[in-house]
């Protein structure tokens, strides 16, 4: 099956835009406390974006939905 990358990106962009503008959706900006939390995390996970998600979960007290087993090494509530 051949996938047109440009069409796929455009489709994904439209889906995200519709999702992000929904009434029940609130975007979480990256705050200074999130960045400082990233700096204090042990290096169990090397991916910087995942580390930011972990830091936000810790700071906000929110669970994370993931199947990445490395997240469980941090003090976060992992759902999956």
PDB file of N, CA and C in Angstrom:
ATOM      1  N   UNK A   1       0.842  -1.178   0.000  1.00  0.00           N
ATOM      2  CA  UNK A   1       0.000   0.000   0.000  1.00  0.00           C
ATOM      3  C   UNK A   1       0.889   1.243   0.000  1.00  0.00           C
ATOM      4  N   UNK A   2       0.650   2.119  -0.922  1.00  0.00           N
ATOM      5  CA  UNK A   2       1.437   3.341  -1.036  1.00  0.00           C
ATOM      6  C   UNK A   2       0.714   4.484  -0.326  1.00  0.00           C
ATOM      7  N   UNK A   3       1.460   5.244   0.470  1.00  0.00           N
ATOM      8  CA  UNK A   3       0.886   6.352   1.236  1.00  0.00           C
ATOM      9  C   UNK A   3       1.529   7.644   0.772  1.00  0.00           C
ATOM     10  N   UNK A   4       0.690   8.616   0.449  1.00  0.00           N
ATOM     11  CA  UNK A   4       1.172   9.934   0.094  1.00  0.00           C
ATOM     12  C   UNK A   4       1.400  10.707   1.395  1.00  0.00           C
ATOM     13  N   UNK A   5       2.647  10.973   1.715  1.00  0.00           N
ATOM     14  CA  UNK A   5       3.009  11.619   2.975  1.00  0.00           C
ATOM     15  C   UNK A   5       2.355  12.996   3.108  1.00  0.00           C
ATOM     16  N   UNK A   6       2.343  13.769   2.047  1.00  0.00           N
ATOM     17  CA  UNK A   6       1.744  15.107   2.105  1.00  0.00           C
ATOM     18  C   UNK A   6       0.258  15.018   2.446  1.00  0.00           C
ATOM     19  N   UNK A   7      -0.465  14.103   1.792  1.00  0.00           N
ATOM     20  CA  UNK A   7      -1.898  13.936   2.072  1.00  0.00           C
ATOM     21  C   UNK A   7      -2.117  13.448   3.501  1.00  0.00           C
ATOM     22  N   UNK A   8      -1.268  12.555   3.965  1.00  0.00           N
ATOM     23  CA  UNK A   8      -1.403  12.034   5.325  1.00  0.00           C
ATOM     24  C   UNK A   8      -1.174  13.151   6.349  1.00  0.00           C
ATOM     25  N   UNK A   9      -0.162  13.984   6.132  1.00  0.00           N
ATOM     26  CA  UNK A   9       0.109  15.091   7.041  1.00  0.00           C
ATOM     27  C   UNK A   9      -1.039  16.097   7.046  1.00  0.00           C
ATOM     28  N   UNK A  10      -1.590  16.372   5.858  1.00  0.00           N
ATOM     29  CA  UNK A  10      -2.711  17.311   5.755  1.00  0.00           C
ATOM     30  C   UNK A  10      -3.922  16.762   6.497  1.00  0.00           C
ATOM     31  N   UNK A  11      -4.197  15.471   6.323  1.00  0.00           N
ATOM     32  CA  UNK A  11      -5.329  14.833   7.001  1.00  0.00           C
ATOM     33  C   UNK A  11      -5.130  14.870   8.517  1.00  0.00           C
ATOM     34  N   UNK A  12      -3.949  14.532   8.976  1.00  0.00           N
ATOM     35  CA  UNK A  12      -3.656  14.550  10.401  1.00  0.00           C
ATOM     36  C   UNK A  12      -3.788  15.965  10.959  1.00  0.00           C
ATOM     37  N   UNK A  13      -3.309  16.934  10.227  1.00  0.00           N
ATOM     38  CA  UNK A  13      -3.394  18.320  10.661  1.00  0.00           C
ATOM     39  C   UNK A  13      -4.849  18.744  10.841  1.00  0.00           C
ATOM     40  N   UNK A  14      -5.707  18.363   9.907  1.00  0.00           N
ATOM     41  CA  UNK A  14      -7.139  18.696  10.005  1.00  0.00           C
ATOM     42  C   UNK A  14      -7.788  18.002  11.199  1.00  0.00           C
ATOM     43  N   UNK A  15      -7.432  16.735  11.424  1.00  0.00           N
ATOM     44  CA  UNK A  15      -7.983  16.012  12.566  1.00  0.00           C
ATOM     45  C   UNK A  15      -7.573  16.666  13.882  1.00  0.00           C
ATOM     46  N   UNK A  16      -6.296  17.018  13.991  1.00  0.00           N
ATOM     47  CA  UNK A  16      -5.813  17.659  15.207  1.00  0.00           C
ATOM     48  C   UNK A  16      -6.478  19.009  15.438  1.00  0.00           C
ATOM     49  N   UNK A  17      -6.669  19.749  14.380  1.00  0.00           N
ATOM     50  CA  UNK A  17      -7.320  21.055  14.502  1.00  0.00           C
ATOM     51  C   UNK A  17      -8.746  20.901  15.005  1.00  0.00           C
ATOM     52  N   UNK A  18      -9.481  19.931  14.456  1.00  0.00           N
ATOM     53  CA  UNK A  18     -10.857  19.685  14.909  1.00  0.00           C
ATOM     54  C   UNK A  18     -10.874  19.230  16.357  1.00  0.00           C
ATOM     55  N   UNK A  19      -9.941  18.353  16.719  1.00  0.00           N
ATOM     56  CA  UNK A  19      -9.865  17.853  18.083  1.00  0.00           C
ATOM     57  C   UNK A  19      -9.523  18.978  19.057  1.00  0.00           C
ATOM     58  N   UNK A  20      -8.536  19.788  18.715  1.00  0.00           N
ATOM     59  CA  UNK A  20      -8.037  20.828  19.610  1.00  0.00           C
ATOM     60  C   UNK A  20      -9.026  21.969  19.803  1.00  0.00           C
ATOM     61  N   UNK A  21      -9.989  22.116  18.937  1.00  0.00           N
ATOM     62  CA  UNK A  21     -10.959  23.196  19.073  1.00  0.00           C
ATOM     63  C   UNK A  21     -12.265  22.709  19.695  1.00  0.00           C
ATOM     64  N   UNK A  22     -12.305  21.455  20.124  1.00  0.00           N
ATOM     65  CA  UNK A  22     -13.496  20.922  20.780  1.00  0.00           C
ATOM     66  C   UNK A  22     -13.710  21.566  22.135  1.00  0.00           C
ATOM     67  N   UNK A  23     -14.958  21.583  22.587  1.00  0.00           N
ATOM     68  CA  UNK A  23     -15.300  22.228  23.853  1.00  0.00           C
ATOM     69  C   UNK A  23     -14.689  21.511  25.059  1.00  0.00           C
ATOM     70  N   UNK A  24     -14.525  20.202  24.980  1.00  0.00           N
ATOM     71  CA  UNK A  24     -14.023  19.433  26.109  1.00  0.00           C
ATOM     72  C   UNK A  24     -12.509  19.267  26.082  1.00  0.00           C
ATOM     73  N   UNK A  25     -11.844  19.987  25.200  1.00  0.00           N
ATOM     74  CA  UNK A  25     -10.393  19.850  25.062  1.00  0.00           C
ATOM     75  C   UNK A  25      -9.724  21.126  25.538  1.00  0.00           C
ATOM     76  N   UNK A  26      -8.711  20.940  26.362  1.00  0.00           N
ATOM     77  CA  UNK A  26      -7.940  22.075  26.844  1.00  0.00           C
ATOM     78  C   UNK A  26      -6.472  21.778  26.567  1.00  0.00           C
ATOM     79  N   UNK A  27      -5.806  22.664  25.876  1.00  0.00           N
ATOM     80  CA  UNK A  27      -4.390  22.479  25.590  1.00  0.00           C
ATOM     81  C   UNK A  27      -3.575  22.865  26.819  1.00  0.00           C
ATOM     82  N   UNK A  28      -2.539  22.107  27.080  1.00  0.00           N
ATOM     83  CA  UNK A  28      -1.680  22.365  28.228  1.00  0.00           C
ATOM     84  C   UNK A  28      -0.371  22.967  27.739  1.00  0.00           C
ATOM     85  N   UNK A  29      -0.174  24.252  27.978  1.00  0.00           N
ATOM     86  CA  UNK A  29       1.096  24.850  27.560  1.00  0.00           C
ATOM     87  C   UNK A  29       2.234  24.358  28.443  1.00  0.00           C
ATOM     88  N   UNK A  30       3.424  24.450  27.927  1.00  0.00           N
ATOM     89  CA  UNK A  30       4.606  24.078  28.691  1.00  0.00           C
ATOM     90  C   UNK A  30       4.949  25.247  29.616  1.00  0.00           C
ATOM     91  N   UNK A  31       4.986  24.960  30.909  1.00  0.00           N
ATOM     92  CA  UNK A  31       5.275  26.010  31.885  1.00  0.00           C
ATOM     93  C   UNK A  31       6.702  25.857  32.425  1.00  0.00           C
ATOM     94  N   UNK A  32       7.137  26.860  33.136  1.00  0.00           N
ATOM     95  CA  UNK A  32       8.457  26.811  33.759  1.00  0.00           C
ATOM     96  C   UNK A  32       8.549  25.643  34.736  1.00  0.00           C
ATOM     97  N   UNK A  33       7.474  25.378  35.483  1.00  0.00           N
ATOM     98  CA  UNK A  33       7.509  24.262  36.435  1.00  0.00           C
ATOM     99  C   UNK A  33       7.668  22.926  35.724  1.00  0.00           C
ATOM    100  N   UNK A  34       7.107  22.800  34.518  1.00  0.00           N
ATOM    101  CA  UNK A  34       7.281  21.572  33.733  1.00  0.00           C
ATOM    102  C   UNK A  34       8.739  21.414  33.314  1.00  0.00           C
ATOM    103  N   UNK A  35       9.322  22.491  32.847  1.00  0.00           N
ATOM    104  CA  UNK A  35      10.723  22.451  32.401  1.00  0.00           C
ATOM    105  C   UNK A  35      11.652  22.120  33.567  1.00  0.00           C
ATOM    106  N   UNK A  36      11.403  22.733  34.703  1.00  0.00           N
ATOM    107  CA  UNK A  36      12.224  22.440  35.878  1.00  0.00           C
ATOM    108  C   UNK A  36      12.056  20.994  36.334  1.00  0.00           C
ATOM    109  N   UNK A  37      10.848  20.462  36.201  1.00  0.00           N
ATOM    110  CA  UNK A  37      10.604  19.065  36.550  1.00  0.00           C
ATOM    111  C   UNK A  37      11.374  18.133  35.609  1.00  0.00           C
ATOM    112  N   UNK A  38      11.425  18.476  34.316  1.00  0.00           N
ATOM    113  CA  UNK A  38      12.195  17.676  33.359  1.00  0.00           C
ATOM    114  C   UNK A  38      13.645  17.589  33.815  1.00  0.00           C
ATOM    115  N   UNK A  39      14.187  18.710  34.217  1.00  0.00           N
ATOM    116  CA  UNK A  39      15.589  18.754  34.637  1.00  0.00           C
ATOM    117  C   UNK A  39      15.861  17.885  35.863  1.00  0.00           C
ATOM    118  N   UNK A  40      14.861  17.685  36.697  1.00  0.00           N
ATOM    119  CA  UNK A  40      15.062  16.909  37.925  1.00  0.00           C
ATOM    120  C   UNK A  40      14.793  15.412  37.750  1.00  0.00           C
ATOM    121  N   UNK A  41      14.274  15.013  36.592  1.00  0.00           N
ATOM    122  CA  UNK A  41      13.944  13.606  36.367  1.00  0.00           C
ATOM    123  C   UNK A  41      15.195  12.758  36.182  1.00  0.00           C
ATOM    124  N   UNK A  42      15.182  11.542  36.735  1.00  0.00           N
ATOM    125  CA  UNK A  42      16.282  10.624  36.414  1.00  0.00           C
ATOM    126  C   UNK A  42      16.207  10.250  34.932  1.00  0.00           C
ATOM    127  N   UNK A  43      17.317   9.858  34.359  1.00  0.00           N
ATOM    128  CA  UNK A  43      17.385   9.591  32.921  1.00  0.00           C
ATOM    129  C   UNK A  43      16.959   8.163  32.562  1.00  0.00           C
ATOM    130  N   UNK A  44      15.833   7.714  33.113  1.00  0.00           N
ATOM    131  CA  UNK A  44      15.308   6.402  32.726  1.00  0.00           C
ATOM    132  C   UNK A  44      14.910   6.419  31.250  1.00  0.00           C
ATOM    133  N   UNK A  45      14.333   7.528  30.831  1.00  0.00           N
ATOM    134  CA  UNK A  45      13.831   7.674  29.463  1.00  0.00           C
ATOM    135  C   UNK A  45      14.637   8.759  28.778  1.00  0.00           C
ATOM    136  N   UNK A  46      15.115   8.488  27.582  1.00  0.00           N
ATOM    137  CA  UNK A  46      15.996   9.429  26.879  1.00  0.00           C
ATOM    138  C   UNK A  46      15.265  10.356  25.916  1.00  0.00           C
ATOM    139  N   UNK A  47      14.014  10.022  25.553  1.00  0.00           N
ATOM    140  CA  UNK A  47      13.276  10.837  24.590  1.00  0.00           C
ATOM    141  C   UNK A  47      12.838  12.147  25.244  1.00  0.00           C
ATOM    142  N   UNK A  48      13.270  13.304  24.725  1.00  0.00           N
ATOM    143  CA  UNK A  48      12.961  14.580  25.373  1.00  0.00           C
ATOM    144  C   UNK A  48      11.467  14.897  25.409  1.00  0.00           C
ATOM    145  N   UNK A  49      10.726  14.534  24.365  1.00  0.00           N
ATOM    146  CA  UNK A  49       9.289  14.813  24.367  1.00  0.00           C
ATOM    147  C   UNK A  49       8.588  13.951  25.416  1.00  0.00           C
ATOM    148  N   UNK A  50       8.955  12.677  25.505  1.00  0.00           N
ATOM    149  CA  UNK A  50       8.360  11.807  26.515  1.00  0.00           C
ATOM    150  C   UNK A  50       8.698  12.297  27.917  1.00  0.00           C
ATOM    151  N   UNK A  51       9.905  12.773  28.103  1.00  0.00           N
ATOM    152  CA  UNK A  51      10.301  13.305  29.412  1.00  0.00           C
ATOM    153  C   UNK A  51       9.462  14.529  29.771  1.00  0.00           C
ATOM    154  N   UNK A  52       9.141  15.350  28.782  1.00  0.00           N
ATOM    155  CA  UNK A  52       8.277  16.506  29.030  1.00  0.00           C
ATOM    156  C   UNK A  52       6.876  16.041  29.424  1.00  0.00           C
ATOM    157  N   UNK A  53       6.342  15.037  28.746  1.00  0.00           N
ATOM    158  CA  UNK A  53       5.028  14.506  29.110  1.00  0.00           C
ATOM    159  C   UNK A  53       5.028  13.964  30.539  1.00  0.00           C
ATOM    160  N   UNK A  54       6.084  13.274  30.908  1.00  0.00           N
ATOM    161  CA  UNK A  54       6.220  12.745  32.265  1.00  0.00           C
ATOM    162  C   UNK A  54       6.253  13.894  33.270  1.00  0.00           C
ATOM    163  N   UNK A  55       7.021  14.919  32.981  1.00  0.00           N
ATOM    164  CA  UNK A  55       7.113  16.080  33.871  1.00  0.00           C
ATOM    165  C   UNK A  55       5.756  16.759  34.025  1.00  0.00           C
ATOM    166  N   UNK A  56       5.030  16.912  32.924  1.00  0.00           N
ATOM    167  CA  UNK A  56       3.703  17.526  32.995  1.00  0.00           C
ATOM    168  C   UNK A  56       2.755  16.659  33.820  1.00  0.00           C
ATOM    169  N   UNK A  57       2.834  15.355  33.650  1.00  0.00           N
ATOM    170  CA  UNK A  57       1.987  14.455  34.423  1.00  0.00           C
ATOM    171  C   UNK A  57       2.267  14.596  35.917  1.00  0.00           C
ATOM    172  N   UNK A  58       3.531  14.673  36.275  1.00  0.00           N
ATOM    173  CA  UNK A  58       3.904  14.828  37.681  1.00  0.00           C
ATOM    174  C   UNK A  58       3.407  16.165  38.222  1.00  0.00           C
ATOM    175  N   UNK A  59       3.688  17.235  37.505  1.00  0.00           N
ATOM    176  CA  UNK A  59       3.328  18.574  37.967  1.00  0.00           C
ATOM    177  C   UNK A  59       1.812  18.794  38.051  1.00  0.00           C
ATOM    178  N   UNK A  60       1.085  18.246  37.084  1.00  0.00           N
ATOM    179  CA  UNK A  60      -0.364  18.465  37.029  1.00  0.00           C
ATOM    180  C   UNK A  60      -1.150  17.412  37.802  1.00  0.00           C
ATOM    181  N   UNK A  61      -0.468  16.299  38.157  1.00  0.00           N
ATOM    182  CA  UNK A  61      -1.162  15.216  38.849  1.00  0.00           C
ATOM    183  C   UNK A  61      -2.108  14.448  37.948  1.00  0.00           C
ATOM    184  N   UNK A  62      -1.800  14.411  36.665  1.00  0.00           N
ATOM    185  CA  UNK A  62      -2.657  13.730  35.687  1.00  0.00           C
ATOM    186  C   UNK A  62      -2.024  12.407  35.275  1.00  0.00           C
ATOM    187  N   UNK A  63      -2.852  11.401  34.964  1.00  0.00           N
ATOM    188  CA  UNK A  63      -2.302  10.133  34.469  1.00  0.00           C
ATOM    189  C   UNK A  63      -1.829  10.279  33.024  1.00  0.00           C
ATOM    190  N   UNK A  64      -1.030   9.324  32.594  1.00  0.00           N
ATOM    191  CA  UNK A  64      -0.550   9.278  31.209  1.00  0.00           C
ATOM    192  C   UNK A  64      -1.084   8.003  30.579  1.00  0.00           C
ATOM    193  N   UNK A  65      -1.584   8.125  29.358  1.00  0.00           N
ATOM    194  CA  UNK A  65      -2.030   6.958  28.609  1.00  0.00           C
ATOM    195  C   UNK A  65      -0.919   6.598  27.632  1.00  0.00           C
ATOM    196  N   UNK A  66      -0.290   5.449  27.871  1.00  0.00           N
ATOM    197  CA  UNK A  66       0.820   5.006  27.020  1.00  0.00           C
ATOM    198  C   UNK A  66       1.044   3.518  27.205  1.00  0.00           C
ATOM    199  N   UNK A  67       1.668   2.915  26.210  1.00  0.00           N
ATOM    200  CA  UNK A  67       2.090   1.525  26.371  1.00  0.00           C
ATOM    201  C   UNK A  67       3.613   1.439  26.490  1.00  0.00           C
ATOM    202  N   UNK A  68       4.254   2.594  26.656  1.00  0.00           N
ATOM    203  CA  UNK A  68       5.706   2.649  26.814  1.00  0.00           C
ATOM    204  C   UNK A  68       6.073   2.188  28.227  1.00  0.00           C
ATOM    205  N   UNK A  69       6.769   1.066  28.362  1.00  0.00           N
ATOM    206  CA  UNK A  69       7.070   0.533  29.699  1.00  0.00           C
ATOM    207  C   UNK A  69       8.006   1.423  30.521  1.00  0.00           C
ATOM    208  N   UNK A  70       8.746   2.306  29.895  1.00  0.00           N
ATOM    209  CA  UNK A  70       9.687   3.172  30.623  1.00  0.00           C
ATOM    210  C   UNK A  70       8.978   4.211  31.487  1.00  0.00           C
ATOM    211  N   UNK A  71       7.751   4.577  31.120  1.00  0.00           N
ATOM    212  CA  UNK A  71       7.021   5.586  31.892  1.00  0.00           C
ATOM    213  C   UNK A  71       6.774   5.113  33.319  1.00  0.00           C
ATOM    214  N   UNK A  72       6.614   3.811  33.511  1.00  0.00           N
ATOM    215  CA  UNK A  72       6.315   3.260  34.834  1.00  0.00           C
ATOM    216  C   UNK A  72       7.483   3.418  35.807  1.00  0.00           C
ATOM    217  N   UNK A  73       8.646   3.775  35.329  1.00  0.00           N
ATOM    218  CA  UNK A  73       9.797   3.987  36.209  1.00  0.00           C
ATOM    219  C   UNK A  73       9.744   5.347  36.909  1.00  0.00           C
ATOM    220  N   UNK A  74       8.774   6.161  36.515  1.00  0.00           N
ATOM    221  CA  UNK A  74       8.609   7.488  37.107  1.00  0.00           C
ATOM    222  C   UNK A  74       7.373   7.497  38.005  1.00  0.00           C
ATOM    223  N   UNK A  75       7.267   8.477  38.915  1.00  0.00           N
ATOM    224  CA  UNK A  75       6.113   8.527  39.808  1.00  0.00           C
ATOM    225  C   UNK A  75       4.873   9.118  39.127  1.00  0.00           C
ATOM    226  N   UNK A  76       4.392   8.399  38.102  1.00  0.00           N
ATOM    227  CA  UNK A  76       3.209   8.813  37.370  1.00  0.00           C
ATOM    228  C   UNK A  76       2.214   7.658  37.330  1.00  0.00           C
ATOM    229  N   UNK A  77       0.946   7.989  37.183  1.00  0.00           N
ATOM    230  CA  UNK A  77      -0.094   6.977  37.043  1.00  0.00           C
ATOM    231  C   UNK A  77      -0.228   6.659  35.550  1.00  0.00           C
ATOM    232  N   UNK A  78       0.204   5.452  35.164  1.00  0.00           N
ATOM    233  CA  UNK A  78       0.180   5.051  33.755  1.00  0.00           C
ATOM    234  C   UNK A  78      -1.077   4.230  33.490  1.00  0.00           C
ATOM    235  N   UNK A  79      -1.813   4.631  32.466  1.00  0.00           N
ATOM    236  CA  UNK A  79      -3.008   3.898  32.040  1.00  0.00           C
ATOM    237  C   UNK A  79      -2.704   3.214  30.715  1.00  0.00           C
ATOM    238  N   UNK A  80      -2.868   1.897  30.701  1.00  0.00           N
ATOM    239  CA  UNK A  80      -2.819   1.090  29.466  1.00  0.00           C
ATOM    240  C   UNK A  80      -2.800  -0.338  29.792  1.00  0.00           C
TER     241      UNK A  80
END
